[in-house]
Amino acid sequence: MMRKDNLKSTIIFGEMSVEERDEMIAKFRTGEVSVIITTNMLARGIDVPEIQIVINFDVPTQNTGPGN
């Protein structure tokens, strides 16, 4: 779990066990953590009515910088 400026967050990713993922979601539901950072594991949604904002950021799969 990461903490910065009283903002408690956690991560969820595919290599975690179902039990670990369930534990992180339970902590989110109870307010123990306020931010979940995840891969596309939760792309189909998460059933937590209290969620106020979702930010979806796709990382580019190829270099699009200058000279390409």
N, C-alpha and C. Protein backbone atom coordinates (compact mmCIF):
# COMPACT_ATOMS: atom_id res chain seq x y z
N MET A 1 0.84 -1.16 0.00
CA MET A 1 0.00 0.00 0.00
C MET A 1 0.90 1.24 0.00
N MET A 2 0.56 2.23 -0.81
CA MET A 2 1.33 3.46 -0.88
C MET A 2 0.61 4.55 -0.10
N ARG A 3 1.35 5.44 0.53
CA ARG A 3 0.75 6.56 1.25
C ARG A 3 1.52 7.82 0.93
N LYS A 4 0.80 8.85 0.55
CA LYS A 4 1.40 10.15 0.31
C LYS A 4 0.33 11.19 0.56
N ASP A 5 0.62 12.14 1.41
CA ASP A 5 -0.34 13.19 1.73
C ASP A 5 -1.68 12.62 2.17
N ASN A 6 -1.64 11.60 2.99
CA ASN A 6 -2.85 10.94 3.51
C ASN A 6 -3.72 10.32 2.43
N LEU A 7 -3.21 10.16 1.25
CA LEU A 7 -3.93 9.48 0.17
C LEU A 7 -3.46 8.04 0.16
N LYS A 8 -4.32 7.13 0.60
CA LYS A 8 -3.94 5.72 0.68
C LYS A 8 -4.38 5.03 -0.60
N SER A 9 -3.45 4.30 -1.20
CA SER A 9 -3.75 3.64 -2.47
C SER A 9 -3.21 2.22 -2.46
N THR A 10 -3.70 1.44 -3.42
CA THR A 10 -3.24 0.07 -3.58
C THR A 10 -3.23 -0.27 -5.06
N ILE A 11 -2.70 -1.43 -5.39
CA ILE A 11 -2.67 -1.86 -6.78
C ILE A 11 -3.36 -3.21 -6.92
N ILE A 12 -3.86 -3.48 -8.10
CA ILE A 12 -4.42 -4.79 -8.44
C ILE A 12 -3.87 -5.14 -9.82
N PHE A 13 -3.34 -6.36 -9.94
CA PHE A 13 -2.80 -6.79 -11.23
C PHE A 13 -3.02 -8.28 -11.41
N GLY A 14 -2.88 -8.75 -12.61
CA GLY A 14 -3.22 -10.11 -12.99
C GLY A 14 -2.50 -11.21 -12.26
N GLU A 15 -1.28 -10.99 -11.82
CA GLU A 15 -0.52 -12.05 -11.17
C GLU A 15 -0.87 -12.21 -9.70
N MET A 16 -1.77 -11.37 -9.19
CA MET A 16 -2.21 -11.51 -7.80
C MET A 16 -3.20 -12.67 -7.72
N SER A 17 -3.26 -13.29 -6.57
CA SER A 17 -4.26 -14.34 -6.36
C SER A 17 -5.64 -13.69 -6.24
N VAL A 18 -6.67 -14.48 -6.44
CA VAL A 18 -8.04 -13.99 -6.29
C VAL A 18 -8.24 -13.45 -4.88
N GLU A 19 -7.68 -14.12 -3.91
CA GLU A 19 -7.80 -13.69 -2.52
C GLU A 19 -7.16 -12.32 -2.30
N GLU A 20 -5.97 -12.11 -2.90
CA GLU A 20 -5.30 -10.81 -2.76
C GLU A 20 -6.11 -9.71 -3.42
N ARG A 21 -6.65 -9.98 -4.62
CA ARG A 21 -7.47 -8.97 -5.30
C ARG A 21 -8.72 -8.67 -4.49
N ASP A 22 -9.37 -9.70 -3.98
CA ASP A 22 -10.57 -9.49 -3.15
C ASP A 22 -10.26 -8.66 -1.92
N GLU A 23 -9.09 -8.90 -1.32
CA GLU A 23 -8.69 -8.13 -0.14
C GLU A 23 -8.51 -6.65 -0.48
N MET A 24 -7.88 -6.36 -1.62
CA MET A 24 -7.67 -4.97 -2.02
C MET A 24 -9.01 -4.28 -2.32
N ILE A 25 -9.91 -4.97 -2.98
CA ILE A 25 -11.22 -4.39 -3.28
C ILE A 25 -12.00 -4.17 -1.98
N ALA A 26 -11.89 -5.10 -1.04
CA ALA A 26 -12.56 -4.94 0.25
C ALA A 26 -12.03 -3.71 0.98
N LYS A 27 -10.73 -3.49 0.93
CA LYS A 27 -10.14 -2.30 1.56
C LYS A 27 -10.64 -1.03 0.89
N PHE A 28 -10.84 -1.08 -0.41
CA PHE A 28 -11.37 0.08 -1.14
C PHE A 28 -12.83 0.33 -0.72
N ARG A 29 -13.61 -0.72 -0.66
CA ARG A 29 -15.03 -0.59 -0.29
C ARG A 29 -15.20 0.00 1.10
N THR A 30 -14.33 -0.38 2.03
CA THR A 30 -14.46 0.11 3.41
C THR A 30 -13.81 1.47 3.61
N GLY A 31 -13.09 1.96 2.61
CA GLY A 31 -12.45 3.26 2.73
C GLY A 31 -11.05 3.21 3.31
N GLU A 32 -10.54 2.01 3.58
CA GLU A 32 -9.17 1.90 4.08
C GLU A 32 -8.18 2.43 3.06
N VAL A 33 -8.46 2.22 1.78
CA VAL A 33 -7.70 2.85 0.69
C VAL A 33 -8.68 3.63 -0.17
N SER A 34 -8.21 4.72 -0.75
CA SER A 34 -9.12 5.56 -1.54
C SER A 34 -8.83 5.54 -3.03
N VAL A 35 -7.72 4.90 -3.43
CA VAL A 35 -7.34 4.86 -4.84
C VAL A 35 -6.88 3.44 -5.18
N ILE A 36 -7.40 2.91 -6.30
CA ILE A 36 -6.90 1.64 -6.82
C ILE A 36 -6.23 1.93 -8.16
N ILE A 37 -4.99 1.48 -8.30
CA ILE A 37 -4.28 1.57 -9.57
C ILE A 37 -4.23 0.15 -10.11
N THR A 38 -4.68 -0.03 -11.34
CA THR A 38 -4.80 -1.39 -11.85
C THR A 38 -4.48 -1.47 -13.34
N THR A 39 -4.22 -2.67 -13.78
CA THR A 39 -4.12 -2.95 -15.20
C THR A 39 -5.55 -3.05 -15.72
N ASN A 40 -5.77 -3.73 -16.81
CA ASN A 40 -7.12 -3.86 -17.34
C ASN A 40 -7.94 -4.89 -16.56
N MET A 41 -7.46 -5.30 -15.39
CA MET A 41 -8.18 -6.27 -14.56
C MET A 41 -9.60 -5.81 -14.25
N LEU A 42 -9.79 -4.52 -14.09
CA LEU A 42 -11.11 -3.99 -13.73
C LEU A 42 -11.77 -3.30 -14.92
N ALA A 43 -11.34 -3.63 -16.13
CA ALA A 43 -11.85 -2.97 -17.33
C ALA A 43 -13.35 -3.16 -17.52
N ARG A 44 -13.88 -4.26 -17.04
CA ARG A 44 -15.31 -4.51 -17.18
C ARG A 44 -16.12 -3.81 -16.11
N GLY A 45 -15.45 -3.19 -15.19
CA GLY A 45 -16.14 -2.43 -14.15
C GLY A 45 -15.92 -3.00 -12.76
N ILE A 46 -16.32 -2.23 -11.81
CA ILE A 46 -16.21 -2.61 -10.42
C ILE A 46 -17.51 -2.17 -9.75
N ASP A 47 -18.09 -3.03 -8.98
CA ASP A 47 -19.40 -2.75 -8.39
C ASP A 47 -19.24 -2.08 -7.03
N VAL A 48 -18.90 -0.80 -7.05
CA VAL A 48 -18.78 0.01 -5.84
C VAL A 48 -19.51 1.32 -6.12
N PRO A 49 -20.76 1.44 -5.66
CA PRO A 49 -21.56 2.63 -5.97
C PRO A 49 -20.95 3.96 -5.54
N GLU A 50 -20.09 3.95 -4.53
CA GLU A 50 -19.54 5.19 -4.00
C GLU A 50 -18.40 5.77 -4.84
N ILE A 51 -17.99 5.09 -5.91
CA ILE A 51 -16.88 5.59 -6.72
C ILE A 51 -17.27 6.94 -7.32
N GLN A 52 -16.40 7.93 -7.14
CA GLN A 52 -16.69 9.28 -7.62
C GLN A 52 -16.05 9.57 -8.96
N ILE A 53 -14.93 8.94 -9.26
CA ILE A 53 -14.25 9.23 -10.52
C ILE A 53 -13.44 8.00 -10.96
N VAL A 54 -13.41 7.78 -12.27
CA VAL A 54 -12.59 6.73 -12.87
C VAL A 54 -11.76 7.38 -13.95
N ILE A 55 -10.47 7.13 -13.92
CA ILE A 55 -9.57 7.65 -14.95
C ILE A 55 -9.00 6.46 -15.69
N ASN A 56 -9.22 6.41 -16.99
CA ASN A 56 -8.70 5.31 -17.82
C ASN A 56 -7.58 5.89 -18.68
N PHE A 57 -6.39 5.36 -18.51
CA PHE A 57 -5.24 5.84 -19.26
C PHE A 57 -4.61 4.66 -19.98
N ASP A 58 -4.57 4.72 -21.29
CA ASP A 58 -3.92 3.68 -22.09
C ASP A 58 -2.52 4.12 -22.46
N VAL A 59 -1.54 3.32 -22.10
CA VAL A 59 -0.15 3.61 -22.44
C VAL A 59 0.06 3.25 -23.90
N PRO A 60 0.69 4.14 -24.67
CA PRO A 60 0.94 3.83 -26.08
C PRO A 60 1.73 2.54 -26.24
N THR A 61 1.40 1.77 -27.26
CA THR A 61 2.11 0.51 -27.50
C THR A 61 3.31 0.67 -28.42
N GLN A 62 3.47 1.85 -29.01
CA GLN A 62 4.63 2.09 -29.84
C GLN A 62 5.12 3.50 -29.62
N ASN A 63 6.38 3.74 -29.93
CA ASN A 63 6.98 5.05 -29.73
C ASN A 63 6.40 6.02 -30.74
N THR A 64 5.80 7.10 -30.26
CA THR A 64 5.23 8.11 -31.16
C THR A 64 5.95 9.44 -31.03
N GLY A 65 7.15 9.40 -30.48
CA GLY A 65 7.92 10.62 -30.28
C GLY A 65 8.54 11.16 -31.55
N PRO A 66 9.24 12.28 -31.43
CA PRO A 66 9.90 12.90 -32.60
C PRO A 66 10.84 11.92 -33.30
N GLY A 67 10.87 11.98 -34.58
CA GLY A 67 11.75 11.15 -35.38
C GLY A 67 11.18 9.78 -35.72
N ASN A 68 9.94 9.53 -35.37
CA ASN A 68 9.32 8.23 -35.68
C ASN A 68 8.19 8.39 -36.65
